Amino acid sequence: MRILCVEDDEDTCLLLTTLLGNYGFEAVCVPDAVAAPQLMACEQFRLYILDGQLPGISGLTLCQRIRRQDGHTPILIFSGHGYESDRAAGMGAGANAYLVKPDVNELVPTVKRLLAQVKEQ
């Protein structure tokens, strides 16, 4: 299962690709909201993991743009911003889940849950 991670921090990209790879997922990282749509146009992904704060276009704006074109693929926002207002904004932008960095304890269970919901539909 291919997952697109939009993350500008190289260490977090490595963490995501390694952690998800250990569970059998193929994670592909791109550094910004410009590269993401270009890759999405030519490749298929089962899940999107977006950093909330990206250079240029924010992760929340990217989430809204993805939702306008794709209402089915789950979106997980994985952000360093953990206030309730941040979570609400992420969910309001169309995300299916919102997790706060650097805690990765819920990352894999959340990815599995989101992908299982897609299979049920």
PDB file of N, CA and C in Angstrom:
ATOM      1  N   MET A   1       0.841  -1.178   0.000  1.00  0.00           N
ATOM      2  CA  MET A   1       0.000   0.000   0.000  1.00  0.00           C
ATOM      3  C   MET A   1       0.886   1.241   0.000  1.00  0.00           C
ATOM      4  N   ARG A   2       0.648   2.109  -0.956  1.00  0.00           N
ATOM      5  CA  ARG A   2       1.466   3.311  -1.116  1.00  0.00           C
ATOM      6  C   ARG A   2       0.843   4.484  -0.361  1.00  0.00           C
ATOM      7  N   ILE A   3       1.707   5.198   0.338  1.00  0.00           N
ATOM      8  CA  ILE A   3       1.303   6.355   1.126  1.00  0.00           C
ATOM      9  C   ILE A   3       2.160   7.534   0.690  1.00  0.00           C
ATOM     10  N   LEU A   4       1.524   8.664   0.414  1.00  0.00           N
ATOM     11  CA  LEU A   4       2.253   9.878   0.081  1.00  0.00           C
ATOM     12  C   LEU A   4       2.375  10.726   1.341  1.00  0.00           C
ATOM     13  N   CYS A   5       3.606  11.021   1.718  1.00  0.00           N
ATOM     14  CA  CYS A   5       3.889  11.878   2.872  1.00  0.00           C
ATOM     15  C   CYS A   5       4.395  13.219   2.354  1.00  0.00           C
ATOM     16  N   VAL A   6       3.745  14.281   2.762  1.00  0.00           N
ATOM     17  CA  VAL A   6       4.174  15.620   2.369  1.00  0.00           C
ATOM     18  C   VAL A   6       4.761  16.249   3.624  1.00  0.00           C
ATOM     19  N   GLU A   7       6.091  16.288   3.658  1.00  0.00           N
ATOM     20  CA  GLU A   7       6.821  16.692   4.860  1.00  0.00           C
ATOM     21  C   GLU A   7       8.115  17.384   4.455  1.00  0.00           C
ATOM     22  N   ASP A   8       8.362  18.574   4.997  1.00  0.00           N
ATOM     23  CA  ASP A   8       9.552  19.328   4.617  1.00  0.00           C
ATOM     24  C   ASP A   8      10.781  19.014   5.478  1.00  0.00           C
ATOM     25  N   ASP A   9      10.611  18.343   6.589  1.00  0.00           N
ATOM     26  CA  ASP A   9      11.731  18.004   7.450  1.00  0.00           C
ATOM     27  C   ASP A   9      12.299  16.630   7.061  1.00  0.00           C
ATOM     28  N   GLU A  10      13.573  16.601   6.685  1.00  0.00           N
ATOM     29  CA  GLU A  10      14.191  15.360   6.207  1.00  0.00           C
ATOM     30  C   GLU A  10      14.183  14.262   7.261  1.00  0.00           C
ATOM     31  N   ASP A  11      14.423  14.617   8.527  1.00  0.00           N
ATOM     32  CA  ASP A  11      14.424  13.610   9.590  1.00  0.00           C
ATOM     33  C   ASP A  11      13.040  12.993   9.770  1.00  0.00           C
ATOM     34  N   THR A  12      12.019  13.812   9.688  1.00  0.00           N
ATOM     35  CA  THR A  12      10.655  13.294   9.816  1.00  0.00           C
ATOM     36  C   THR A  12      10.303  12.425   8.613  1.00  0.00           C
ATOM     37  N   CYS A  13      10.758  12.801   7.419  1.00  0.00           N
ATOM     38  CA  CYS A  13      10.548  11.961   6.234  1.00  0.00           C
ATOM     39  C   CYS A  13      11.175  10.588   6.440  1.00  0.00           C
ATOM     40  N   LEU A  14      12.402  10.576   6.931  1.00  0.00           N
ATOM     41  CA  LEU A  14      13.089   9.306   7.182  1.00  0.00           C
ATOM     42  C   LEU A  14      12.343   8.493   8.229  1.00  0.00           C
ATOM     43  N   LEU A  15      11.892   9.146   9.276  1.00  0.00           N
ATOM     44  CA  LEU A  15      11.111   8.471  10.314  1.00  0.00           C
ATOM     45  C   LEU A  15       9.850   7.846   9.722  1.00  0.00           C
ATOM     46  N   LEU A  16       9.110   8.618   8.934  1.00  0.00           N
ATOM     47  CA  LEU A  16       7.864   8.121   8.353  1.00  0.00           C
ATOM     48  C   LEU A  16       8.111   6.954   7.399  1.00  0.00           C
ATOM     49  N   THR A  17       9.070   7.097   6.504  1.00  0.00           N
ATOM     50  CA  THR A  17       9.310   6.027   5.528  1.00  0.00           C
ATOM     51  C   THR A  17       9.817   4.761   6.212  1.00  0.00           C
ATOM     52  N   THR A  18      10.664   4.913   7.223  1.00  0.00           N
ATOM     53  CA  THR A  18      11.193   3.747   7.934  1.00  0.00           C
ATOM     54  C   THR A  18      10.116   3.076   8.767  1.00  0.00           C
ATOM     55  N   LEU A  19       9.421   3.859   9.575  1.00  0.00           N
ATOM     56  CA  LEU A  19       8.387   3.303  10.449  1.00  0.00           C
ATOM     57  C   LEU A  19       7.290   2.619   9.641  1.00  0.00           C
ATOM     58  N   LEU A  20       6.770   3.313   8.645  1.00  0.00           N
ATOM     59  CA  LEU A  20       5.704   2.723   7.831  1.00  0.00           C
ATOM     60  C   LEU A  20       6.220   1.533   7.029  1.00  0.00           C
ATOM     61  N   GLY A  21       7.455   1.609   6.556  1.00  0.00           N
ATOM     62  CA  GLY A  21       8.056   0.492   5.833  1.00  0.00           C
ATOM     63  C   GLY A  21       8.177  -0.751   6.689  1.00  0.00           C
ATOM     64  N   ASN A  22       8.433  -0.577   7.983  1.00  0.00           N
ATOM     65  CA  ASN A  22       8.511  -1.716   8.899  1.00  0.00           C
ATOM     66  C   ASN A  22       7.182  -2.451   9.021  1.00  0.00           C
ATOM     67  N   TYR A  23       6.091  -1.793   8.670  1.00  0.00           N
ATOM     68  CA  TYR A  23       4.767  -2.400   8.731  1.00  0.00           C
ATOM     69  C   TYR A  23       4.231  -2.763   7.342  1.00  0.00           C
ATOM     70  N   GLY A  24       5.100  -2.758   6.358  1.00  0.00           N
ATOM     71  CA  GLY A  24       4.716  -3.200   5.026  1.00  0.00           C
ATOM     72  C   GLY A  24       4.128  -2.137   4.120  1.00  0.00           C
ATOM     73  N   PHE A  25       4.184  -0.887   4.532  1.00  0.00           N
ATOM     74  CA  PHE A  25       3.674   0.195   3.702  1.00  0.00           C
ATOM     75  C   PHE A  25       4.824   0.807   2.919  1.00  0.00           C
ATOM     76  N   GLU A  26       4.539   1.260   1.718  1.00  0.00           N
ATOM     77  CA  GLU A  26       5.529   1.981   0.924  1.00  0.00           C
ATOM     78  C   GLU A  26       5.210   3.464   1.027  1.00  0.00           C
ATOM     79  N   ALA A  27       6.042   4.180   1.766  1.00  0.00           N
ATOM     80  CA  ALA A  27       5.838   5.612   1.947  1.00  0.00           C
ATOM     81  C   ALA A  27       6.778   6.383   1.033  1.00  0.00           C
ATOM     82  N   VAL A  28       6.205   7.339   0.313  1.00  0.00           N
ATOM     83  CA  VAL A  28       6.961   8.208  -0.579  1.00  0.00           C
ATOM     84  C   VAL A  28       6.847   9.615  -0.016  1.00  0.00           C
ATOM     85  N   CYS A  29       7.986  10.278   0.189  1.00  0.00           N
ATOM     86  CA  CYS A  29       7.975  11.635   0.752  1.00  0.00           C
ATOM     87  C   CYS A  29       8.283  12.677  -0.315  1.00  0.00           C
ATOM     88  N   VAL A  30       7.560  13.776  -0.237  1.00  0.00           N
ATOM     89  CA  VAL A  30       7.876  14.964  -1.030  1.00  0.00           C
ATOM     90  C   VAL A  30       7.945  16.134  -0.048  1.00  0.00           C
ATOM     91  N   PRO A  31       8.741  17.174  -0.378  1.00  0.00           N
ATOM     92  CA  PRO A  31       9.009  18.224   0.601  1.00  0.00           C
ATOM     93  C   PRO A  31       8.014  19.381   0.682  1.00  0.00           C
ATOM     94  N   ASP A  32       7.081  19.451  -0.263  1.00  0.00           N
ATOM     95  CA  ASP A  32       6.200  20.618  -0.226  1.00  0.00           C
ATOM     96  C   ASP A  32       4.902  20.369  -0.977  1.00  0.00           C
ATOM     97  N   ALA A  33       4.018  21.358  -0.864  1.00  0.00           N
ATOM     98  CA  ALA A  33       2.694  21.252  -1.475  1.00  0.00           C
ATOM     99  C   ALA A  33       2.711  21.496  -2.977  1.00  0.00           C
ATOM    100  N   VAL A  34       3.859  21.859  -3.533  1.00  0.00           N
ATOM    101  CA  VAL A  34       3.982  22.001  -4.986  1.00  0.00           C
ATOM    102  C   VAL A  34       4.297  20.640  -5.603  1.00  0.00           C
ATOM    103  N   ALA A  35       5.208  19.910  -4.981  1.00  0.00           N
ATOM    104  CA  ALA A  35       5.606  18.595  -5.497  1.00  0.00           C
ATOM    105  C   ALA A  35       4.501  17.556  -5.335  1.00  0.00           C
ATOM    106  N   ALA A  36       3.698  17.680  -4.297  1.00  0.00           N
ATOM    107  CA  ALA A  36       2.664  16.675  -4.019  1.00  0.00           C
ATOM    108  C   ALA A  36       1.656  16.511  -5.158  1.00  0.00           C
ATOM    109  N   PRO A  37       1.007  17.576  -5.624  1.00  0.00           N
ATOM    110  CA  PRO A  37       0.023  17.401  -6.705  1.00  0.00           C
ATOM    111  C   PRO A  37       0.646  16.862  -7.996  1.00  0.00           C
ATOM    112  N   GLN A  38       1.895  17.236  -8.242  1.00  0.00           N
ATOM    113  CA  GLN A  38       2.571  16.727  -9.438  1.00  0.00           C
ATOM    114  C   GLN A  38       2.714  15.208  -9.361  1.00  0.00           C
ATOM    115  N   LEU A  39       3.097  14.705  -8.192  1.00  0.00           N
ATOM    116  CA  LEU A  39       3.245  13.260  -8.016  1.00  0.00           C
ATOM    117  C   LEU A  39       1.886  12.576  -7.995  1.00  0.00           C
ATOM    118  N   MET A  40       0.905  13.201  -7.379  1.00  0.00           N
ATOM    119  CA  MET A  40      -0.440  12.637  -7.313  1.00  0.00           C
ATOM    120  C   MET A  40      -1.064  12.507  -8.701  1.00  0.00           C
ATOM    121  N   ALA A  41      -0.683  13.369  -9.613  1.00  0.00           N
ATOM    122  CA  ALA A  41      -1.245  13.341 -10.965  1.00  0.00           C
ATOM    123  C   ALA A  41      -0.780  12.129 -11.757  1.00  0.00           C
ATOM    124  N   CYS A  42       0.378  11.588 -11.405  1.00  0.00           N
ATOM    125  CA  CYS A  42       0.899  10.463 -12.198  1.00  0.00           C
ATOM    126  C   CYS A  42       1.025   9.161 -11.412  1.00  0.00           C
ATOM    127  N   GLU A  43       0.753   9.187 -10.120  1.00  0.00           N
ATOM    128  CA  GLU A  43       0.834   7.965  -9.313  1.00  0.00           C
ATOM    129  C   GLU A  43      -0.367   7.882  -8.382  1.00  0.00           C
ATOM    130  N   GLN A  44      -0.697   6.663  -7.967  1.00  0.00           N
ATOM    131  CA  GLN A  44      -1.834   6.450  -7.079  1.00  0.00           C
ATOM    132  C   GLN A  44      -1.360   6.149  -5.669  1.00  0.00           C
ATOM    133  N   PHE A  45      -2.067   6.701  -4.692  1.00  0.00           N
ATOM    134  CA  PHE A  45      -1.757   6.484  -3.289  1.00  0.00           C
ATOM    135  C   PHE A  45      -3.038   6.121  -2.551  1.00  0.00           C
ATOM    136  N   ARG A  46      -2.901   5.326  -1.483  1.00  0.00           N
ATOM    137  CA  ARG A  46      -4.053   4.903  -0.699  1.00  0.00           C
ATOM    138  C   ARG A  46      -4.303   5.813   0.496  1.00  0.00           C
ATOM    139  N   LEU A  47      -3.307   6.668   0.829  1.00  0.00           N
ATOM    140  CA  LEU A  47      -3.409   7.544   1.983  1.00  0.00           C
ATOM    141  C   LEU A  47      -2.450   8.708   1.797  1.00  0.00           C
ATOM    142  N   TYR A  48      -2.841   9.862   2.313  1.00  0.00           N
ATOM    143  CA  TYR A  48      -1.966  11.034   2.314  1.00  0.00           C
ATOM    144  C   TYR A  48      -1.679  11.420   3.761  1.00  0.00           C
ATOM    145  N   ILE A  49      -0.398  11.626   4.073  1.00  0.00           N
ATOM    146  CA  ILE A  49       0.001  12.151   5.377  1.00  0.00           C
ATOM    147  C   ILE A  49       0.614  13.527   5.118  1.00  0.00           C
ATOM    148  N   LEU A  50       0.006  14.551   5.693  1.00  0.00           N
ATOM    149  CA  LEU A  50       0.425  15.925   5.432  1.00  0.00           C
ATOM    150  C   LEU A  50       0.928  16.596   6.698  1.00  0.00           C
ATOM    151  N   ASP A  51       2.059  17.276   6.586  1.00  0.00           N
ATOM    152  CA  ASP A  51       2.516  18.153   7.652  1.00  0.00           C
ATOM    153  C   ASP A  51       1.582  19.357   7.654  1.00  0.00           C
ATOM    154  N   GLY A  52       1.226  19.830   8.826  1.00  0.00           N
ATOM    155  CA  GLY A  52       0.322  20.975   8.893  1.00  0.00           C
ATOM    156  C   GLY A  52       0.964  22.265   8.412  1.00  0.00           C
ATOM    157  N   GLN A  53       2.258  22.409   8.641  1.00  0.00           N
ATOM    158  CA  GLN A  53       2.971  23.623   8.252  1.00  0.00           C
ATOM    159  C   GLN A  53       4.026  23.268   7.215  1.00  0.00           C
ATOM    160  N   LEU A  54       3.825  23.703   6.016  1.00  0.00           N
ATOM    161  CA  LEU A  54       4.756  23.456   4.920  1.00  0.00           C
ATOM    162  C   LEU A  54       5.226  24.782   4.350  1.00  0.00           C
ATOM    163  N   PRO A  55       6.369  24.799   3.704  1.00  0.00           N
ATOM    164  CA  PRO A  55       6.803  26.046   3.059  1.00  0.00           C
ATOM    165  C   PRO A  55       5.861  26.394   1.902  1.00  0.00           C
ATOM    166  N   GLY A  56       5.565  27.655   1.756  1.00  0.00           N
ATOM    167  CA  GLY A  56       4.663  28.072   0.675  1.00  0.00           C
ATOM    168  C   GLY A  56       3.218  27.835   1.067  1.00  0.00           C
ATOM    169  N   ILE A  57       2.634  26.819   0.524  1.00  0.00           N
ATOM    170  CA  ILE A  57       1.232  26.475   0.786  1.00  0.00           C
ATOM    171  C   ILE A  57       1.172  25.585   2.026  1.00  0.00           C
ATOM    172  N   SER A  58       0.321  25.904   2.970  1.00  0.00           N
ATOM    173  CA  SER A  58       0.229  25.113   4.202  1.00  0.00           C
ATOM    174  C   SER A  58      -0.376  23.735   3.939  1.00  0.00           C
ATOM    175  N   GLY A  59      -0.139  22.841   4.875  1.00  0.00           N
ATOM    176  CA  GLY A  59      -0.729  21.509   4.781  1.00  0.00           C
ATOM    177  C   GLY A  59      -2.244  21.545   4.806  1.00  0.00           C
ATOM    178  N   LEU A  60      -2.792  22.506   5.536  1.00  0.00           N
ATOM    179  CA  LEU A  60      -4.250  22.617   5.593  1.00  0.00           C
ATOM    180  C   LEU A  60      -4.813  23.061   4.251  1.00  0.00           C
ATOM    181  N   THR A  61      -4.144  23.990   3.597  1.00  0.00           N
ATOM    182  CA  THR A  61      -4.587  24.421   2.267  1.00  0.00           C
ATOM    183  C   THR A  61      -4.450  23.271   1.277  1.00  0.00           C
ATOM    184  N   LEU A  62      -3.362  22.536   1.365  1.00  0.00           N
ATOM    185  CA  LEU A  62      -3.189  21.367   0.501  1.00  0.00           C
ATOM    186  C   LEU A  62      -4.294  20.350   0.755  1.00  0.00           C
ATOM    187  N   CYS A  63      -4.642  20.141   2.005  1.00  0.00           N
ATOM    188  CA  CYS A  63      -5.718  19.214   2.350  1.00  0.00           C
ATOM    189  C   CYS A  63      -7.027  19.637   1.680  1.00  0.00           C
ATOM    190  N   GLN A  64      -7.339  20.911   1.754  1.00  0.00           N
ATOM    191  CA  GLN A  64      -8.562  21.421   1.111  1.00  0.00           C
ATOM    192  C   GLN A  64      -8.526  21.189  -0.393  1.00  0.00           C
ATOM    193  N   ARG A  65      -7.382  21.427  -1.014  1.00  0.00           N
ATOM    194  CA  ARG A  65      -7.254  21.241  -2.460  1.00  0.00           C
ATOM    195  C   ARG A  65      -7.407  19.774  -2.844  1.00  0.00           C
ATOM    196  N   ILE A  66      -6.815  18.893  -2.042  1.00  0.00           N
ATOM    197  CA  ILE A  66      -6.961  17.458  -2.318  1.00  0.00           C
ATOM    198  C   ILE A  66      -8.423  17.067  -2.208  1.00  0.00           C
ATOM    199  N   ARG A  67      -9.091  17.552  -1.173  1.00  0.00           N
ATOM    200  CA  ARG A  67     -10.498  17.188  -0.967  1.00  0.00           C
ATOM    201  C   ARG A  67     -11.392  17.644  -2.116  1.00  0.00           C
ATOM    202  N   ARG A  68     -11.085  18.754  -2.721  1.00  0.00           N
ATOM    203  CA  ARG A  68     -11.902  19.216  -3.852  1.00  0.00           C
ATOM    204  C   ARG A  68     -11.786  18.262  -5.039  1.00  0.00           C
ATOM    205  N   GLN A  69     -10.642  17.593  -5.171  1.00  0.00           N
ATOM    206  CA  GLN A  69     -10.437  16.685  -6.299  1.00  0.00           C
ATOM    207  C   GLN A  69     -10.662  15.226  -5.933  1.00  0.00           C
ATOM    208  N   ASP A  70     -10.481  14.878  -4.663  1.00  0.00           N
ATOM    209  CA  ASP A  70     -10.519  13.489  -4.233  1.00  0.00           C
ATOM    210  C   ASP A  70     -11.206  13.417  -2.872  1.00  0.00           C
ATOM    211  N   GLY A  71     -12.441  13.001  -2.880  1.00  0.00           N
ATOM    212  CA  GLY A  71     -13.194  12.920  -1.636  1.00  0.00           C
ATOM    213  C   GLY A  71     -13.093  11.592  -0.932  1.00  0.00           C
ATOM    214  N   HIS A  72     -12.310  10.664  -1.480  1.00  0.00           N
ATOM    215  CA  HIS A  72     -12.293   9.307  -0.931  1.00  0.00           C
ATOM    216  C   HIS A  72     -10.990   8.918  -0.240  1.00  0.00           C
ATOM    217  N   THR A  73      -9.850   9.320  -0.767  1.00  0.00           N
ATOM    218  CA  THR A  73      -8.570   8.905  -0.193  1.00  0.00           C
ATOM    219  C   THR A  73      -8.398   9.554   1.174  1.00  0.00           C
ATOM    220  N   PRO A  74      -8.120   8.758   2.214  1.00  0.00           N
ATOM    221  CA  PRO A  74      -7.972   9.334   3.546  1.00  0.00           C
ATOM    222  C   PRO A  74      -6.768  10.267   3.646  1.00  0.00           C
ATOM    223  N   ILE A  75      -6.935  11.282   4.493  1.00  0.00           N
ATOM    224  CA  ILE A  75      -5.872  12.252   4.753  1.00  0.00           C
ATOM    225  C   ILE A  75      -5.629  12.299   6.255  1.00  0.00           C
ATOM    226  N   LEU A  76      -4.364  12.153   6.622  1.00  0.00           N
ATOM    227  CA  LEU A  76      -3.930  12.262   8.007  1.00  0.00           C
ATOM    228  C   LEU A  76      -3.017  13.474   8.107  1.00  0.00           C
ATOM    229  N   ILE A  77      -3.347  14.409   8.982  1.00  0.00           N
ATOM    230  CA  ILE A  77      -2.454  15.533   9.219  1.00  0.00           C
ATOM    231  C   ILE A  77      -1.588  15.175  10.423  1.00  0.00           C
ATOM    232  N   PHE A  78      -0.269  15.266  10.225  1.00  0.00           N
ATOM    233  CA  PHE A  78       0.726  14.953  11.247  1.00  0.00           C
ATOM    234  C   PHE A  78       1.513  16.234  11.473  1.00  0.00           C
ATOM    235  N   SER A  79       1.113  16.986  12.503  1.00  0.00           N
ATOM    236  CA  SER A  79       1.605  18.350  12.669  1.00  0.00           C
ATOM    237  C   SER A  79       2.203  18.586  14.049  1.00  0.00           C
ATOM    238  N   GLY A  80       3.095  19.541  14.125  1.00  0.00           N
ATOM    239  CA  GLY A  80       3.660  19.956  15.397  1.00  0.00           C
ATOM    240  C   GLY A  80       2.743  20.866  16.185  1.00  0.00           C
ATOM    241  N   HIS A  81       1.649  21.264  15.596  1.00  0.00           N
ATOM    242  CA  HIS A  81       0.698  22.153  16.262  1.00  0.00           C
ATOM    243  C   HIS A  81      -0.401  21.312  16.905  1.00  0.00           C
ATOM    244  N   GLY A  82      -0.481  21.379  18.245  1.00  0.00           N
ATOM    245  CA  GLY A  82      -1.369  20.471  18.951  1.00  0.00           C
ATOM    246  C   GLY A  82      -2.518  21.083  19.712  1.00  0.00           C
ATOM    247  N   TYR A  83      -2.791  22.356  19.494  1.00  0.00           N
ATOM    248  CA  TYR A  83      -3.945  22.950  20.164  1.00  0.00           C
ATOM    249  C   TYR A  83      -5.238  22.385  19.584  1.00  0.00           C
ATOM    250  N   GLU A  84      -6.277  22.439  20.373  1.00  0.00           N
ATOM    251  CA  GLU A  84      -7.573  21.949  19.899  1.00  0.00           C
ATOM    252  C   GLU A  84      -8.035  22.728  18.669  1.00  0.00           C
ATOM    253  N   SER A  85      -7.717  24.015  18.620  1.00  0.00           N
ATOM    254  CA  SER A  85      -8.086  24.815  17.448  1.00  0.00           C
ATOM    255  C   SER A  85      -7.337  24.340  16.200  1.00  0.00           C
ATOM    256  N   ASP A  86      -6.095  23.852  16.364  1.00  0.00           N
ATOM    257  CA  ASP A  86      -5.341  23.306  15.234  1.00  0.00           C
ATOM    258  C   ASP A  86      -6.004  22.029  14.720  1.00  0.00           C
ATOM    259  N   ARG A  87      -6.373  21.168  15.659  1.00  0.00           N
ATOM    260  CA  ARG A  87      -7.061  19.917  15.289  1.00  0.00           C
ATOM    261  C   ARG A  87      -8.372  20.220  14.560  1.00  0.00           C
ATOM    262  N   ALA A  88      -9.130  21.157  15.113  1.00  0.00           N
ATOM    263  CA  ALA A  88     -10.410  21.517  14.498  1.00  0.00           C
ATOM    264  C   ALA A  88     -10.206  22.065  13.087  1.00  0.00           C
ATOM    265  N   ALA A  89      -9.171  22.885  12.914  1.00  0.00           N
ATOM    266  CA  ALA A  89      -8.889  23.432  11.585  1.00  0.00           C
ATOM    267  C   ALA A  89      -8.507  22.327  10.612  1.00  0.00           C
ATOM    268  N   GLY A  90      -7.719  21.367  11.069  1.00  0.00           N
ATOM    269  CA  GLY A  90      -7.331  20.240  10.214  1.00  0.00           C
ATOM    270  C   GLY A  90      -8.524  19.401   9.798  1.00  0.00           C
ATOM    271  N   MET A  91      -9.366  19.104  10.747  1.00  0.00           N
ATOM    272  CA  MET A  91     -10.551  18.304  10.430  1.00  0.00           C
ATOM    273  C   MET A  91     -11.512  19.107   9.550  1.00  0.00           C
ATOM    274  N   GLY A  92     -11.589  20.403   9.799  1.00  0.00           N
ATOM    275  CA  GLY A  92     -12.430  21.264   8.976  1.00  0.00           C
ATOM    276  C   GLY A  92     -11.922  21.392   7.547  1.00  0.00           C
ATOM    277  N   ALA A  93     -10.617  21.202   7.367  1.00  0.00           N
ATOM    278  CA  ALA A  93     -10.029  21.264   6.023  1.00  0.00           C
ATOM    279  C   ALA A  93     -10.266  19.981   5.231  1.00  0.00           C
ATOM    280  N   GLY A  94     -10.774  18.954   5.918  1.00  0.00           N
ATOM    281  CA  GLY A  94     -11.091  17.714   5.215  1.00  0.00           C
ATOM    282  C   GLY A  94     -10.278  16.507   5.634  1.00  0.00           C
ATOM    283  N   ALA A  95      -9.437  16.654   6.658  1.00  0.00           N
ATOM    284  CA  ALA A  95      -8.640  15.511   7.121  1.00  0.00           C
ATOM    285  C   ALA A  95      -9.533  14.486   7.807  1.00  0.00           C
ATOM    286  N   ASN A  96      -9.124  13.239   7.721  1.00  0.00           N
ATOM    287  CA  ASN A  96      -9.828  12.158   8.403  1.00  0.00           C
ATOM    288  C   ASN A  96      -9.296  11.943   9.815  1.00  0.00           C
ATOM    289  N   ALA A  97      -8.067  12.390  10.064  1.00  0.00           N
ATOM    290  CA  ALA A  97      -7.451  12.251  11.384  1.00  0.00           C
ATOM    291  C   ALA A  97      -6.371  13.313  11.524  1.00  0.00           C
ATOM    292  N   TYR A  98      -6.028  13.606  12.778  1.00  0.00           N
ATOM    293  CA  TYR A  98      -5.026  14.624  13.087  1.00  0.00           C
ATOM    294  C   TYR A  98      -4.182  14.110  14.244  1.00  0.00           C
ATOM    295  N   LEU A  99      -2.883  13.980  14.026  1.00  0.00           N
ATOM    296  CA  LEU A  99      -1.965  13.555  15.074  1.00  0.00           C
ATOM    297  C   LEU A  99      -0.905  14.624  15.276  1.00  0.00           C
ATOM    298  N   VAL A 100      -0.390  14.694  16.501  1.00  0.00           N
ATOM    299  CA  VAL A 100       0.584  15.726  16.851  1.00  0.00           C
ATOM    300  C   VAL A 100       1.983  15.122  16.935  1.00  0.00           C
ATOM    301  N   LYS A 101       2.925  15.761  16.232  1.00  0.00           N
ATOM    302  CA  LYS A 101       4.333  15.384  16.304  1.00  0.00           C
ATOM    303  C   LYS A 101       4.874  15.780  17.667  1.00  0.00           C
ATOM    304  N   PRO A 102       5.879  15.171  18.138  1.00  0.00           N
ATOM    305  CA  PRO A 102       6.650  14.070  17.552  1.00  0.00           C
ATOM    306  C   PRO A 102       6.140  12.700  17.963  1.00  0.00           C
ATOM    307  N   ASP A 103       5.009  12.639  18.668  1.00  0.00           N
ATOM    308  CA  ASP A 103       4.489  11.358  19.148  1.00  0.00           C
ATOM    309  C   ASP A 103       4.063  10.479  17.979  1.00  0.00           C
ATOM    310  N   VAL A 104       4.741   9.351  17.816  1.00  0.00           N
ATOM    311  CA  VAL A 104       4.419   8.432  16.717  1.00  0.00           C
ATOM    312  C   VAL A 104       3.680   7.194  17.204  1.00  0.00           C
ATOM    313  N   ASN A 105       3.338   7.148  18.509  1.00  0.00           N
ATOM    314  CA  ASN A 105       2.686   5.957  19.054  1.00  0.00           C
ATOM    315  C   ASN A 105       1.375   5.626  18.361  1.00  0.00           C
ATOM    316  N   GLU A 106       0.642   6.628  17.950  1.00  0.00           N
ATOM    317  CA  GLU A 106      -0.659   6.396  17.312  1.00  0.00           C
ATOM    318  C   GLU A 106      -0.583   6.412  15.793  1.00  0.00           C
ATOM    319  N   LEU A 107       0.597   6.658  15.233  1.00  0.00           N
ATOM    320  CA  LEU A 107       0.709   6.803  13.786  1.00  0.00           C
ATOM    321  C   LEU A 107       0.311   5.532  13.038  1.00  0.00           C
ATOM    322  N   VAL A 108       0.949   4.426  13.341  1.00  0.00           N
ATOM    323  CA  VAL A 108       0.649   3.186  12.613  1.00  0.00           C
ATOM    324  C   VAL A 108      -0.772   2.706  12.883  1.00  0.00           C
ATOM    325  N   PRO A 109      -1.246   2.699  14.138  1.00  0.00           N
ATOM    326  CA  PRO A 109      -2.647   2.305  14.341  1.00  0.00           C
ATOM    327  C   PRO A 109      -3.640   3.190  13.578  1.00  0.00           C
ATOM    328  N   THR A 110      -3.354   4.487  13.511  1.00  0.00           N
ATOM    329  CA  THR A 110      -4.239   5.396  12.783  1.00  0.00           C
ATOM    330  C   THR A 110      -4.195   5.122  11.288  1.00  0.00           C
ATOM    331  N   VAL A 111      -3.008   4.892  10.743  1.00  0.00           N
ATOM    332  CA  VAL A 111      -2.869   4.555   9.324  1.00  0.00           C
ATOM    333  C   VAL A 111      -3.650   3.282   9.019  1.00  0.00           C
ATOM    334  N   LYS A 112      -3.502   2.270   9.846  1.00  0.00           N
ATOM    335  CA  LYS A 112      -4.218   1.004   9.633  1.00  0.00           C
ATOM    336  C   LYS A 112      -5.731   1.207   9.699  1.00  0.00           C
ATOM    337  N   ARG A 113      -6.179   2.006  10.664  1.00  0.00           N
ATOM    338  CA  ARG A 113      -7.620   2.265  10.805  1.00  0.00           C
ATOM    339  C   ARG A 113      -8.169   2.989   9.582  1.00  0.00           C
ATOM    340  N   LEU A 114      -7.459   4.006   9.117  1.00  0.00           N
ATOM    341  CA  LEU A 114      -7.929   4.764   7.955  1.00  0.00           C
ATOM    342  C   LEU A 114      -7.972   3.887   6.703  1.00  0.00           C
ATOM    343  N   LEU A 115      -6.969   3.063   6.523  1.00  0.00           N
ATOM    344  CA  LEU A 115      -6.939   2.188   5.349  1.00  0.00           C
ATOM    345  C   LEU A 115      -8.015   1.118   5.434  1.00  0.00           C
ATOM    346  N   ALA A 116      -8.302   0.633   6.641  1.00  0.00           N
ATOM    347  CA  ALA A 116      -9.360  -0.366   6.808  1.00  0.00           C
ATOM    348  C   ALA A 116     -10.728   0.243   6.490  1.00  0.00           C
ATOM    349  N   GLN A 117     -10.919   1.506   6.836  1.00  0.00           N
ATOM    350  CA  GLN A 117     -12.191   2.172   6.527  1.00  0.00           C
ATOM    351  C   GLN A 117     -12.384   2.297   5.031  1.00  0.00           C
ATOM    352  N   VAL A 118     -11.326   2.502   4.287  1.00  0.00           N
ATOM    353  CA  VAL A 118     -11.425   2.604   2.834  1.00  0.00           C
ATOM    354  C   VAL A 118     -11.846   1.259   2.256  1.00  0.00           C
ATOM    355  N   LYS A 119     -11.282   0.172   2.776  1.00  0.00           N
ATOM    356  CA  LYS A 119     -11.609  -1.172   2.276  1.00  0.00           C
ATOM    357  C   LYS A 119     -13.072  -1.501   2.510  1.00  0.00           C
ATOM    358  N   GLU A 120     -13.635  -1.000   3.622  1.00  0.00           N
ATOM    359  CA  GLU A 120     -15.038  -1.289   3.969  1.00  0.00           C
ATOM    360  C   GLU A 120     -16.015  -0.580   3.047  1.00  0.00           C
ATOM    361  N   GLN A 121     -15.601   0.502   2.428  1.00  0.00           N
ATOM    362  CA  GLN A 121     -16.525   1.299   1.597  1.00  0.00           C
ATOM    363  C   GLN A 121     -16.767   0.658   0.254  1.00  0.00           C
TER     364      GLN A 121
END
